[in-house]
Amino acid sequence: MTLLSRWTAAAAVYNDRRMLAILLMGFSSGLPLLLGFSTLSYWLSTAGIDRTTIGLFAAVSTPSPSSSSGRR
C-alpha cells in the first residue's frame, strides 16, 4: 500500500457530510482559543513579562471542563 493510497483511504472518511460537519465544528471551536492565546502570549512577551507569568495567566484564563459541563 503506497503512501498516497493510505492518505486517500484516511480522507475517505470525510466523504460523509456528517463527519465533515463534525471536523469543521471541531476546528472552528478550537481556533479562537489558539489565536487568542498565541496573540496574547506574543503581546505579553514583547511587553517584557516573563514566561512563568504568561503561563499562569493562560492557565487561569483557560475554560475548565467542569465549568462548561452544565453541572452545578
Protein backbone atom coordinates (compact mmCIF):
# COMPACT_ATOMS: atom_id res chain seq x y z
CA MET A 1 0.00 0.00 0.00
CA THR A 2 1.57 3.29 -1.06
CA LEU A 3 1.59 6.46 0.94
CA LEU A 4 -0.87 8.16 -1.40
CA SER A 5 -3.36 5.31 -1.17
CA ARG A 6 -3.16 5.40 2.63
CA TRP A 7 -3.87 9.13 2.67
CA THR A 8 -6.76 8.62 0.25
CA ALA A 9 -8.23 5.90 2.44
CA ALA A 10 -7.90 8.11 5.52
CA ALA A 11 -9.53 11.08 3.78
CA ALA A 12 -12.41 8.91 2.51
CA VAL A 13 -13.93 9.08 5.98
CA TYR A 14 -14.85 12.72 5.33
CA ASN A 15 -16.98 11.91 2.28
CA ASP A 16 -19.89 11.64 4.71
CA ARG A 17 -21.45 15.09 5.26
CA ARG A 18 -21.92 14.44 8.97
CA MET A 19 -18.24 13.66 9.52
CA LEU A 20 -17.21 16.74 7.54
CA ALA A 21 -19.52 18.90 9.68
CA ILE A 22 -18.00 17.45 12.86
CA LEU A 23 -14.50 18.17 11.56
CA LEU A 24 -15.35 21.78 10.70
CA MET A 25 -17.13 22.43 14.01
CA GLY A 26 -14.23 20.96 15.96
CA PHE A 27 -11.73 23.07 14.08
CA SER A 28 -13.76 26.27 14.45
CA SER A 29 -14.34 25.75 18.17
CA GLY A 30 -10.63 25.45 18.90
CA LEU A 31 -9.39 28.14 16.55
CA PRO A 32 -10.44 31.19 18.63
CA LEU A 33 -8.64 29.82 21.69
CA LEU A 34 -5.48 29.18 19.71
CA LEU A 35 -5.46 32.60 18.06
CA GLY A 36 -6.33 34.42 21.27
CA PHE A 37 -3.72 32.74 23.43
CA SER A 38 -0.93 32.90 20.87
CA THR A 39 -1.55 36.60 20.18
CA LEU A 40 -1.86 37.39 23.87
CA SER A 41 1.32 35.47 24.67
CA TYR A 42 3.19 37.39 21.98
CA TRP A 43 1.92 40.74 23.26
CA LEU A 44 2.80 39.94 26.84
CA SER A 45 6.29 38.72 25.94
CA THR A 46 7.03 41.85 23.91
CA ALA A 47 5.84 43.91 26.88
CA GLY A 48 8.58 42.30 28.97
CA ILE A 49 6.52 39.89 31.05
CA ASP A 50 8.31 36.64 31.88
CA ARG A 51 7.18 33.25 30.58
CA THR A 52 6.10 31.96 34.01
CA THR A 53 3.61 34.80 34.44
CA ILE A 54 2.30 34.29 30.92
CA GLY A 55 1.84 30.57 31.60
CA LEU A 56 -0.01 31.21 34.85
CA PHE A 57 -2.23 33.77 33.14
CA ALA A 58 -3.04 31.28 30.38
CA ALA A 59 -3.81 28.54 32.90
CA VAL A 60 -6.19 30.77 34.84
CA SER A 61 -7.96 32.10 31.76
CA THR A 62 -8.45 28.70 30.10
CA PRO A 63 -12.02 27.41 30.47
CA SER A 64 -12.11 24.28 32.58
CA PRO A 65 -14.17 21.24 31.57
CA SER A 66 -16.06 21.28 34.86
CA SER A 67 -17.30 24.84 34.33
CA SER A 68 -18.75 24.04 30.91
CA SER A 69 -20.23 20.63 31.74
CA GLY A 70 -23.53 22.05 32.96
CA ARG A 71 -23.25 20.67 36.48
CA ARG A 72 -23.93 22.86 39.46
